[in-house]
Amino acid sequence: MKRLGITTALVTLLMAVSAGVALAAVSPGTYGPDPGSFNSANAPGSSHLTSGSPSCTVNADRSISCSAYVLGGVGHTDATVSLSANYSATIDCRNPGNGNVVESHTSTFSADSSATVASVKNGQLSVPTQSVSPFGAPQVCPNPNWVPEIRGGTVTLNSFSYTLTFAGFSSAYITITGLNPI
């Protein structure tokens, strides 16, 4: 009887933790750096913001746009800026012959964007905007003749990460995630 009680308690705890994880979606809003977002050990010696500020906005449709800004004191060091988002949604597969939905399934997928940014003038790095959208990510259906489409209102942004990594450094100088709403 004692084992049954412990087993029931463990199953209840597992269900509660699973429900908590499932509810941990990223909401629309603006996300920016926190005190730990800048890692000076991963940048040229005198790197600093000269204009703008890095931030990412999650829109109502769960697309993400990250701002442009300028870093100074980088010398001639280039950088890679990357934005990656992880989504889940219901995908409807349509028969192109009659337009009917043949199958629906839940899918997880990612959307990514990256660019190499060159330091070209006076030791400054002009970092461009980065954007991703769940509707730009490729979707698939079991039959290649069917047309996949994301069902409206089902997109969940599970997580995102924005990073700027300087050439010659192994880790990011700037990191913004869906955990830091402004």
N, C-alpha and C. Protein backbone atom coordinates (compact mmCIF):
# COMPACT_ATOMS: atom_id res chain seq x y z
N MET A 1 0.82 -1.18 0.00
CA MET A 1 0.00 0.00 0.00
C MET A 1 0.87 1.25 0.00
N LYS A 2 1.99 1.18 0.74
CA LYS A 2 2.89 2.32 0.82
C LYS A 2 3.51 2.62 -0.55
N ARG A 3 3.85 1.54 -1.30
CA ARG A 3 4.42 1.72 -2.65
C ARG A 3 3.42 2.40 -3.57
N LEU A 4 2.17 2.03 -3.48
CA LEU A 4 1.13 2.64 -4.31
C LEU A 4 1.03 4.13 -4.02
N GLY A 5 1.11 4.50 -2.75
CA GLY A 5 1.07 5.92 -2.38
C GLY A 5 2.26 6.69 -2.92
N ILE A 6 3.45 6.10 -2.84
CA ILE A 6 4.66 6.75 -3.36
C ILE A 6 4.59 6.86 -4.87
N THR A 7 4.15 5.79 -5.53
CA THR A 7 4.02 5.81 -6.98
C THR A 7 3.02 6.87 -7.43
N THR A 8 1.90 6.95 -6.75
CA THR A 8 0.89 7.96 -7.08
C THR A 8 1.46 9.36 -6.90
N ALA A 9 2.20 9.58 -5.82
CA ALA A 9 2.80 10.88 -5.57
C ALA A 9 3.81 11.24 -6.66
N LEU A 10 4.62 10.29 -7.07
CA LEU A 10 5.62 10.54 -8.12
C LEU A 10 4.95 10.84 -9.45
N VAL A 11 3.91 10.10 -9.80
CA VAL A 11 3.20 10.35 -11.06
C VAL A 11 2.56 11.73 -11.03
N THR A 12 1.97 12.11 -9.91
CA THR A 12 1.36 13.44 -9.77
C THR A 12 2.41 14.52 -9.92
N LEU A 13 3.57 14.35 -9.28
CA LEU A 13 4.65 15.32 -9.39
C LEU A 13 5.14 15.43 -10.83
N LEU A 14 5.29 14.30 -11.52
CA LEU A 14 5.73 14.30 -12.91
C LEU A 14 4.73 15.04 -13.79
N MET A 15 3.44 14.83 -13.57
CA MET A 15 2.41 15.52 -14.35
C MET A 15 2.45 17.02 -14.08
N ALA A 16 2.68 17.42 -12.85
CA ALA A 16 2.74 18.84 -12.51
C ALA A 16 3.94 19.50 -13.17
N VAL A 17 5.09 18.82 -13.13
CA VAL A 17 6.29 19.37 -13.77
C VAL A 17 6.09 19.45 -15.28
N SER A 18 5.51 18.41 -15.89
CA SER A 18 5.26 18.43 -17.33
C SER A 18 4.33 19.56 -17.71
N ALA A 19 3.29 19.79 -16.94
CA ALA A 19 2.36 20.88 -17.23
C ALA A 19 3.07 22.22 -17.11
N GLY A 20 3.94 22.37 -16.13
CA GLY A 20 4.69 23.62 -15.97
C GLY A 20 5.60 23.87 -17.15
N VAL A 21 6.25 22.83 -17.65
CA VAL A 21 7.13 22.99 -18.81
C VAL A 21 6.30 23.34 -20.04
N ALA A 22 5.16 22.71 -20.21
CA ALA A 22 4.33 22.97 -21.38
C ALA A 22 3.82 24.41 -21.39
N LEU A 23 3.64 25.02 -20.23
CA LEU A 23 3.13 26.37 -20.14
C LEU A 23 4.24 27.42 -20.27
N ALA A 24 5.48 27.01 -20.39
CA ALA A 24 6.60 27.94 -20.39
C ALA A 24 6.89 28.48 -21.78
N ALA A 25 5.87 28.94 -22.49
CA ALA A 25 6.05 29.52 -23.82
C ALA A 25 6.51 30.97 -23.69
N VAL A 26 7.17 31.47 -24.72
CA VAL A 26 7.63 32.85 -24.76
C VAL A 26 6.47 33.73 -25.24
N SER A 27 6.14 34.75 -24.48
CA SER A 27 5.02 35.64 -24.80
C SER A 27 5.48 36.82 -25.64
N PRO A 28 4.54 37.44 -26.37
CA PRO A 28 4.89 38.67 -27.10
C PRO A 28 5.39 39.74 -26.13
N GLY A 29 6.34 40.53 -26.61
CA GLY A 29 6.93 41.59 -25.79
C GLY A 29 8.36 41.85 -26.23
N THR A 30 9.02 42.72 -25.51
CA THR A 30 10.42 43.07 -25.82
C THR A 30 11.34 42.41 -24.81
N TYR A 31 12.40 41.80 -25.32
CA TYR A 31 13.37 41.09 -24.50
C TYR A 31 14.73 41.73 -24.72
N GLY A 32 15.46 41.93 -23.64
CA GLY A 32 16.75 42.60 -23.76
C GLY A 32 17.80 41.94 -22.90
N PRO A 33 18.95 42.53 -22.92
CA PRO A 33 20.05 41.95 -22.13
C PRO A 33 19.81 42.15 -20.64
N ASP A 34 20.26 41.18 -19.86
CA ASP A 34 20.30 41.33 -18.42
C ASP A 34 21.77 41.51 -18.04
N PRO A 35 22.10 41.69 -16.77
CA PRO A 35 23.51 41.92 -16.40
C PRO A 35 24.47 40.83 -16.88
N GLY A 36 24.00 39.60 -17.05
CA GLY A 36 24.88 38.53 -17.51
C GLY A 36 24.90 38.34 -19.02
N SER A 37 24.20 39.20 -19.76
CA SER A 37 24.11 39.04 -21.22
C SER A 37 25.38 39.41 -21.96
N PHE A 38 26.20 40.28 -21.39
CA PHE A 38 27.46 40.70 -22.01
C PHE A 38 28.60 39.97 -21.31
N ASN A 39 29.39 39.22 -22.08
CA ASN A 39 30.53 38.50 -21.52
C ASN A 39 31.80 39.10 -22.10
N SER A 40 32.41 40.01 -21.35
CA SER A 40 33.58 40.74 -21.86
C SER A 40 34.78 39.84 -22.12
N ALA A 41 34.80 38.66 -21.54
CA ALA A 41 35.90 37.73 -21.81
C ALA A 41 35.84 37.21 -23.25
N ASN A 42 34.71 37.40 -23.92
CA ASN A 42 34.52 36.91 -25.29
C ASN A 42 34.45 38.04 -26.30
N ALA A 43 35.26 39.09 -26.08
CA ALA A 43 35.26 40.24 -26.98
C ALA A 43 36.64 40.90 -26.98
N PRO A 44 36.93 41.65 -28.05
CA PRO A 44 38.17 42.44 -28.04
C PRO A 44 38.17 43.37 -26.83
N GLY A 45 39.36 43.68 -26.35
CA GLY A 45 39.58 44.39 -25.09
C GLY A 45 38.70 45.57 -24.73
N SER A 46 38.38 46.44 -25.66
CA SER A 46 37.62 47.64 -25.29
C SER A 46 36.26 47.73 -25.97
N SER A 47 35.65 46.59 -26.23
CA SER A 47 34.33 46.57 -26.88
C SER A 47 33.29 47.24 -25.99
N HIS A 48 32.43 48.04 -26.64
CA HIS A 48 31.37 48.73 -25.91
C HIS A 48 30.29 49.18 -26.90
N LEU A 49 29.09 49.45 -26.39
CA LEU A 49 28.01 49.98 -27.22
C LEU A 49 28.28 51.45 -27.50
N THR A 50 28.18 51.85 -28.78
CA THR A 50 28.33 53.27 -29.11
C THR A 50 27.00 53.90 -29.50
N SER A 51 26.09 53.10 -30.05
CA SER A 51 24.74 53.61 -30.32
C SER A 51 23.77 52.45 -30.38
N GLY A 52 22.52 52.73 -30.02
CA GLY A 52 21.51 51.70 -29.99
C GLY A 52 21.72 50.75 -28.83
N SER A 53 20.88 49.77 -28.77
CA SER A 53 20.98 48.76 -27.72
C SER A 53 20.38 47.46 -28.27
N PRO A 54 21.02 46.34 -28.02
CA PRO A 54 20.46 45.09 -28.53
C PRO A 54 19.18 44.72 -27.77
N SER A 55 18.14 44.39 -28.53
CA SER A 55 16.89 43.90 -27.93
C SER A 55 16.16 43.11 -29.02
N CYS A 56 15.25 42.26 -28.58
CA CYS A 56 14.45 41.46 -29.50
C CYS A 56 12.98 41.61 -29.14
N THR A 57 12.15 41.80 -30.16
CA THR A 57 10.70 41.93 -29.95
C THR A 57 9.99 40.71 -30.51
N VAL A 58 9.21 40.06 -29.65
CA VAL A 58 8.35 38.96 -30.08
C VAL A 58 7.00 39.56 -30.41
N ASN A 59 6.58 39.41 -31.66
CA ASN A 59 5.32 39.97 -32.13
C ASN A 59 4.15 39.03 -31.86
N ALA A 60 2.94 39.52 -32.05
CA ALA A 60 1.73 38.72 -31.77
C ALA A 60 1.70 37.42 -32.58
N ASP A 61 2.25 37.43 -33.81
CA ASP A 61 2.27 36.21 -34.63
C ASP A 61 3.46 35.31 -34.31
N ARG A 62 4.21 35.69 -33.27
CA ARG A 62 5.39 34.96 -32.75
C ARG A 62 6.62 35.09 -33.65
N SER A 63 6.58 36.00 -34.61
CA SER A 63 7.81 36.34 -35.33
C SER A 63 8.67 37.15 -34.37
N ILE A 64 9.96 37.21 -34.65
CA ILE A 64 10.90 37.91 -33.77
C ILE A 64 11.75 38.85 -34.61
N SER A 65 11.92 40.08 -34.11
CA SER A 65 12.78 41.08 -34.74
C SER A 65 13.76 41.59 -33.70
N CYS A 66 15.05 41.50 -34.01
CA CYS A 66 16.08 42.00 -33.10
C CYS A 66 16.70 43.25 -33.68
N SER A 67 16.96 44.23 -32.83
CA SER A 67 17.35 45.57 -33.25
C SER A 67 18.78 45.67 -33.77
N ALA A 68 19.02 46.75 -34.50
CA ALA A 68 20.36 47.09 -34.97
C ALA A 68 21.03 47.95 -33.90
N TYR A 69 22.36 47.91 -33.85
CA TYR A 69 23.14 48.72 -32.91
C TYR A 69 24.58 48.78 -33.39
N VAL A 70 25.38 49.62 -32.76
CA VAL A 70 26.78 49.76 -33.15
C VAL A 70 27.66 49.49 -31.94
N LEU A 71 28.67 48.64 -32.14
CA LEU A 71 29.68 48.38 -31.12
C LEU A 71 30.96 49.10 -31.51
N GLY A 72 31.61 49.71 -30.55
CA GLY A 72 32.90 50.36 -30.79
C GLY A 72 34.00 49.60 -30.08
N GLY A 73 35.24 49.95 -30.40
CA GLY A 73 36.39 49.36 -29.74
C GLY A 73 36.65 47.92 -30.11
N VAL A 74 36.22 47.51 -31.31
CA VAL A 74 36.39 46.11 -31.70
C VAL A 74 37.62 45.91 -32.60
N GLY A 75 38.31 46.99 -32.92
CA GLY A 75 39.46 46.87 -33.82
C GLY A 75 39.01 46.39 -35.18
N HIS A 76 39.70 45.41 -35.72
CA HIS A 76 39.33 44.84 -37.03
C HIS A 76 38.74 43.45 -36.86
N THR A 77 38.00 43.26 -35.78
CA THR A 77 37.44 41.94 -35.48
C THR A 77 36.01 41.84 -35.99
N ASP A 78 35.76 40.87 -36.87
CA ASP A 78 34.42 40.63 -37.39
C ASP A 78 33.62 39.81 -36.36
N ALA A 79 32.33 39.70 -36.62
CA ALA A 79 31.47 38.93 -35.70
C ALA A 79 30.37 38.23 -36.49
N THR A 80 29.79 37.23 -35.87
CA THR A 80 28.62 36.54 -36.40
C THR A 80 27.46 36.81 -35.47
N VAL A 81 26.35 37.27 -36.04
CA VAL A 81 25.14 37.50 -35.26
C VAL A 81 24.13 36.44 -35.68
N SER A 82 23.49 35.79 -34.69
CA SER A 82 22.57 34.68 -34.97
C SER A 82 21.30 34.81 -34.15
N LEU A 83 20.20 34.44 -34.76
CA LEU A 83 18.90 34.38 -34.09
C LEU A 83 18.28 33.03 -34.41
N SER A 84 17.91 32.30 -33.38
CA SER A 84 17.30 30.98 -33.57
C SER A 84 16.07 30.89 -32.68
N ALA A 85 14.95 30.44 -33.26
CA ALA A 85 13.70 30.29 -32.52
C ALA A 85 13.17 28.87 -32.68
N ASN A 86 12.62 28.34 -31.59
CA ASN A 86 12.03 27.01 -31.60
C ASN A 86 10.52 27.13 -31.40
N TYR A 87 9.77 26.54 -32.31
CA TYR A 87 8.32 26.67 -32.34
C TYR A 87 7.64 25.31 -32.29
N SER A 88 6.35 25.33 -31.97
CA SER A 88 5.47 24.18 -32.20
C SER A 88 4.15 24.72 -32.74
N ALA A 89 3.48 23.92 -33.56
CA ALA A 89 2.22 24.35 -34.17
C ALA A 89 1.51 23.13 -34.75
N THR A 90 0.24 23.32 -35.04
CA THR A 90 -0.52 22.30 -35.76
C THR A 90 -0.37 22.57 -37.25
N ILE A 91 0.04 21.55 -37.98
CA ILE A 91 0.23 21.66 -39.42
C ILE A 91 -0.91 20.91 -40.11
N ASP A 92 -1.65 21.61 -40.96
CA ASP A 92 -2.70 20.99 -41.77
C ASP A 92 -2.13 20.67 -43.14
N CYS A 93 -2.35 19.46 -43.61
CA CYS A 93 -1.90 19.04 -44.93
C CYS A 93 -3.11 19.00 -45.86
N ARG A 94 -3.05 19.80 -46.92
CA ARG A 94 -4.19 19.91 -47.84
C ARG A 94 -3.92 19.17 -49.15
N ASN A 95 -4.97 18.56 -49.66
CA ASN A 95 -4.93 17.95 -50.97
C ASN A 95 -5.10 19.09 -51.97
N PRO A 96 -4.11 19.33 -52.85
CA PRO A 96 -4.23 20.46 -53.78
C PRO A 96 -5.34 20.26 -54.82
N GLY A 97 -5.77 19.02 -55.02
CA GLY A 97 -6.82 18.76 -56.00
C GLY A 97 -8.18 19.28 -55.57
N ASN A 98 -8.53 19.08 -54.29
CA ASN A 98 -9.85 19.51 -53.83
C ASN A 98 -9.78 20.53 -52.69
N GLY A 99 -8.58 20.82 -52.17
CA GLY A 99 -8.42 21.82 -51.11
C GLY A 99 -8.79 21.33 -49.73
N ASN A 100 -9.16 20.05 -49.60
CA ASN A 100 -9.56 19.50 -48.30
C ASN A 100 -8.34 19.18 -47.44
N VAL A 101 -8.50 19.34 -46.12
CA VAL A 101 -7.47 18.91 -45.19
C VAL A 101 -7.49 17.39 -45.13
N VAL A 102 -6.33 16.79 -45.41
CA VAL A 102 -6.21 15.34 -45.44
C VAL A 102 -5.71 14.83 -44.10
N GLU A 103 -4.79 15.56 -43.51
CA GLU A 103 -4.18 15.16 -42.25
C GLU A 103 -3.75 16.39 -41.50
N SER A 104 -3.79 16.29 -40.18
CA SER A 104 -3.24 17.33 -39.32
C SER A 104 -2.31 16.67 -38.32
N HIS A 105 -1.25 17.38 -37.96
CA HIS A 105 -0.33 16.87 -36.96
C HIS A 105 0.36 18.04 -36.26
N THR A 106 0.82 17.77 -35.06
CA THR A 106 1.58 18.78 -34.32
C THR A 106 3.05 18.58 -34.66
N SER A 107 3.72 19.69 -34.89
CA SER A 107 5.12 19.62 -35.30
C SER A 107 5.93 20.63 -34.50
N THR A 108 7.17 20.28 -34.23
CA THR A 108 8.12 21.25 -33.67
C THR A 108 9.13 21.56 -34.76
N PHE A 109 9.55 22.80 -34.84
CA PHE A 109 10.45 23.23 -35.90
C PHE A 109 11.19 24.47 -35.45
N SER A 110 12.21 24.84 -36.20
CA SER A 110 12.99 26.03 -35.86
C SER A 110 13.09 26.96 -37.07
N ALA A 111 13.33 28.21 -36.75
CA ALA A 111 13.59 29.23 -37.77
C ALA A 111 14.89 29.92 -37.35
N ASP A 112 15.80 30.08 -38.30
CA ASP A 112 17.12 30.61 -37.98
C ASP A 112 17.52 31.71 -38.95
N SER A 113 18.33 32.64 -38.44
CA SER A 113 18.88 33.70 -39.26
C SER A 113 20.27 34.03 -38.71
N SER A 114 21.23 34.22 -39.60
CA SER A 114 22.57 34.63 -39.14
C SER A 114 23.25 35.45 -40.22
N ALA A 115 24.20 36.23 -39.78
CA ALA A 115 24.96 37.07 -40.71
C ALA A 115 26.36 37.30 -40.14
N THR A 116 27.33 37.40 -41.03
CA THR A 116 28.67 37.80 -40.63
C THR A 116 28.76 39.30 -40.81
N VAL A 117 29.22 39.97 -39.77
CA VAL A 117 29.31 41.43 -39.77
C VAL A 117 30.78 41.83 -39.75
N ALA A 118 31.18 42.64 -40.71
CA ALA A 118 32.58 43.06 -40.82
C ALA A 118 32.79 44.40 -40.12
N SER A 119 33.91 44.48 -39.41
CA SER A 119 34.32 45.74 -38.81
C SER A 119 35.09 46.50 -39.89
N VAL A 120 34.47 47.55 -40.45
CA VAL A 120 35.07 48.20 -41.61
C VAL A 120 35.50 49.64 -41.38
N LYS A 121 35.08 50.25 -40.28
CA LYS A 121 35.38 51.67 -40.12
C LYS A 121 35.69 52.02 -38.67
N ASN A 122 36.89 52.52 -38.43
CA ASN A 122 37.29 53.06 -37.13
C ASN A 122 37.01 52.12 -35.96
N GLY A 123 37.21 50.84 -36.14
CA GLY A 123 37.02 49.89 -35.05
C GLY A 123 35.58 49.74 -34.61
N GLN A 124 34.63 50.08 -35.50
CA GLN A 124 33.23 49.95 -35.14
C GLN A 124 32.57 48.82 -35.94
N LEU A 125 31.57 48.24 -35.33
CA LEU A 125 30.83 47.13 -35.91
C LEU A 125 29.36 47.53 -35.94
N SER A 126 28.81 47.72 -37.14
CA SER A 126 27.38 48.06 -37.29
C SER A 126 26.61 46.76 -37.42
N VAL A 127 25.93 46.38 -36.35
CA VAL A 127 25.20 45.12 -36.31
C VAL A 127 23.80 45.33 -36.90
N PRO A 128 23.43 44.59 -37.95
CA PRO A 128 22.13 44.77 -38.58
C PRO A 128 21.01 44.07 -37.80
N THR A 129 19.79 44.38 -38.16
CA THR A 129 18.64 43.70 -37.57
C THR A 129 18.64 42.24 -38.00
N GLN A 130 18.04 41.41 -37.18
CA GLN A 130 17.85 40.00 -37.49
C GLN A 130 16.39 39.68 -37.22
N SER A 131 15.78 38.88 -38.09
CA SER A 131 14.37 38.53 -37.93
C SER A 131 14.13 37.07 -38.32
N VAL A 132 13.16 36.45 -37.66
CA VAL A 132 12.69 35.12 -38.04
C VAL A 132 11.17 35.09 -37.88
N SER A 133 10.55 34.17 -38.61
CA SER A 133 9.11 34.00 -38.54
C SER A 133 8.78 32.51 -38.61
N PRO A 134 7.79 32.06 -37.84
CA PRO A 134 7.42 30.64 -37.95
C PRO A 134 6.86 30.31 -39.33
N PHE A 135 6.34 31.31 -40.03
CA PHE A 135 5.71 31.07 -41.32
C PHE A 135 6.73 30.97 -42.45
N GLY A 136 7.99 31.31 -42.16
CA GLY A 136 9.05 31.15 -43.15
C GLY A 136 9.80 29.84 -43.01
N ALA A 137 9.52 29.10 -41.93
CA ALA A 137 10.20 27.83 -41.70
C ALA A 137 9.54 26.74 -42.54
N PRO A 138 10.33 25.87 -43.15
CA PRO A 138 9.75 24.82 -44.00
C PRO A 138 8.93 23.82 -43.18
N GLN A 139 7.79 23.42 -43.72
CA GLN A 139 6.92 22.41 -43.12
C GLN A 139 6.81 21.24 -44.07
N VAL A 140 6.46 20.08 -43.53
CA VAL A 140 6.34 18.90 -44.38
C VAL A 140 5.05 18.13 -44.07
N CYS A 141 4.59 17.42 -45.07
CA CYS A 141 3.47 16.50 -44.96
C CYS A 141 3.97 15.11 -45.35
N PRO A 142 3.31 14.05 -44.87
CA PRO A 142 3.74 12.70 -45.21
C PRO A 142 3.73 12.42 -46.72
N ASN A 143 2.80 13.04 -47.43
CA ASN A 143 2.72 12.89 -48.87
C ASN A 143 3.28 14.17 -49.50
N PRO A 144 4.34 14.09 -50.31
CA PRO A 144 4.93 15.30 -50.87
C PRO A 144 4.00 16.09 -51.80
N ASN A 145 2.89 15.48 -52.22
CA ASN A 145 1.93 16.20 -53.06
C ASN A 145 0.99 17.08 -52.25
N TRP A 146 0.88 16.82 -50.96
CA TRP A 146 0.00 17.62 -50.12
C TRP A 146 0.68 18.95 -49.79
N VAL A 147 -0.10 19.98 -49.52
CA VAL A 147 0.42 21.31 -49.23
C VAL A 147 0.33 21.57 -47.72
N PRO A 148 1.48 21.76 -47.04
CA PRO A 148 1.44 22.02 -45.60
C PRO A 148 1.16 23.49 -45.31
N GLU A 149 0.37 23.73 -44.28
CA GLU A 149 0.14 25.11 -43.81
C GLU A 149 -0.06 25.09 -42.30
N ILE A 150 0.43 26.13 -41.67
CA ILE A 150 0.28 26.25 -40.22
C ILE A 150 -1.14 26.71 -39.91
N ARG A 151 -1.82 25.96 -39.05
CA ARG A 151 -3.19 26.32 -38.67
C ARG A 151 -3.14 27.60 -37.81
N GLY A 152 -3.97 28.55 -38.16
CA GLY A 152 -4.03 29.82 -37.44
C GLY A 152 -4.31 29.63 -35.96
N GLY A 153 -3.63 30.41 -35.13
CA GLY A 153 -3.84 30.38 -33.69
C GLY A 153 -3.17 29.24 -32.96
N THR A 154 -2.36 28.42 -33.66
CA THR A 154 -1.74 27.28 -32.98
C THR A 154 -0.24 27.43 -32.76
N VAL A 155 0.36 28.52 -33.23
CA VAL A 155 1.81 28.69 -33.10
C VAL A 155 2.19 29.00 -31.66
N THR A 156 3.15 28.25 -31.14
CA THR A 156 3.74 28.51 -29.83
C THR A 156 5.23 28.74 -30.02
N LEU A 157 5.74 29.85 -29.48
CA LEU A 157 7.18 30.09 -29.47
C LEU A 157 7.70 29.47 -28.18
N ASN A 158 8.45 28.38 -28.31
CA ASN A 158 8.95 27.65 -27.14
C ASN A 158 10.19 28.31 -26.55
N SER A 159 11.06 28.84 -27.40
CA SER A 159 12.28 29.50 -26.92
C SER A 159 12.93 30.24 -28.08
N PHE A 160 13.81 31.19 -27.74
CA PHE A 160 14.66 31.80 -28.76
C PHE A 160 15.98 32.22 -28.14
N SER A 161 16.97 32.35 -29.00
CA SER A 161 18.30 32.79 -28.56
C SER A 161 18.90 33.69 -29.63
N TYR A 162 19.39 34.85 -29.19
CA TYR A 162 20.08 35.80 -30.06
C TYR A 162 21.50 35.91 -29.53
N THR A 163 22.49 35.77 -30.40
CA THR A 163 23.89 35.86 -29.97
C THR A 163 24.72 36.67 -30.95
N LEU A 164 25.74 37.31 -30.42
CA LEU A 164 26.79 37.94 -31.23
C LEU A 164 28.10 37.35 -30.74
N THR A 165 28.82 36.71 -31.67
CA THR A 165 30.09 36.05 -31.34
C THR A 165 31.19 36.63 -32.22
N PHE A 166 32.25 37.11 -31.59
CA PHE A 166 33.38 37.67 -32.33
C PHE A 166 34.24 36.57 -32.92
N ALA A 167 34.81 36.82 -34.10
CA ALA A 167 35.74 35.90 -34.74
C ALA A 167 36.93 35.69 -33.81
N GLY A 168 37.35 34.44 -33.67
CA GLY A 168 38.48 34.13 -32.80
C GLY A 168 38.09 33.85 -31.35
N PHE A 169 36.81 34.00 -31.03
CA PHE A 169 36.33 33.71 -29.67
C PHE A 169 35.38 32.52 -29.75
N SER A 170 35.42 31.67 -28.73
CA SER A 170 34.63 30.43 -28.78
C SER A 170 33.20 30.58 -28.26
N SER A 171 32.91 31.65 -27.55
CA SER A 171 31.57 31.84 -26.99
C SER A 171 31.05 33.23 -27.31
N ALA A 172 29.77 33.44 -27.08
CA ALA A 172 29.11 34.70 -27.42
C ALA A 172 29.51 35.85 -26.48
N TYR A 173 29.61 37.04 -27.06
CA TYR A 173 29.81 38.27 -26.30
C TYR A 173 28.46 38.77 -25.79
N ILE A 174 27.41 38.70 -26.64
CA ILE A 174 26.07 39.13 -26.27
C ILE A 174 25.12 37.94 -26.45
N THR A 175 24.28 37.72 -25.44
CA THR A 175 23.26 36.69 -25.50
C THR A 175 21.95 37.26 -24.97
N ILE A 176 20.88 37.10 -25.75
CA ILE A 176 19.54 37.47 -25.31
C ILE A 176 18.65 36.25 -25.53
N THR A 177 17.87 35.90 -24.52
CA THR A 177 16.95 34.76 -24.64
C THR A 177 15.53 35.21 -24.29
N GLY A 178 14.59 34.32 -24.46
CA GLY A 178 13.20 34.59 -24.12
C GLY A 178 12.95 34.59 -22.62
N LEU A 179 14.01 34.60 -21.84
CA LEU A 179 13.87 34.60 -20.38
C LEU A 179 13.99 36.01 -19.78
N ASN A 180 14.32 37.02 -20.60
CA ASN A 180 14.64 38.34 -20.07
C ASN A 180 13.71 39.42 -20.61
N PRO A 181 12.42 39.42 -20.27
CA PRO A 181 11.55 40.51 -20.77
C PRO A 181 11.96 41.84 -20.16
N ILE A 182 11.85 42.89 -20.96
CA ILE A 182 12.20 44.24 -20.46
C ILE A 182 11.00 44.83 -19.78
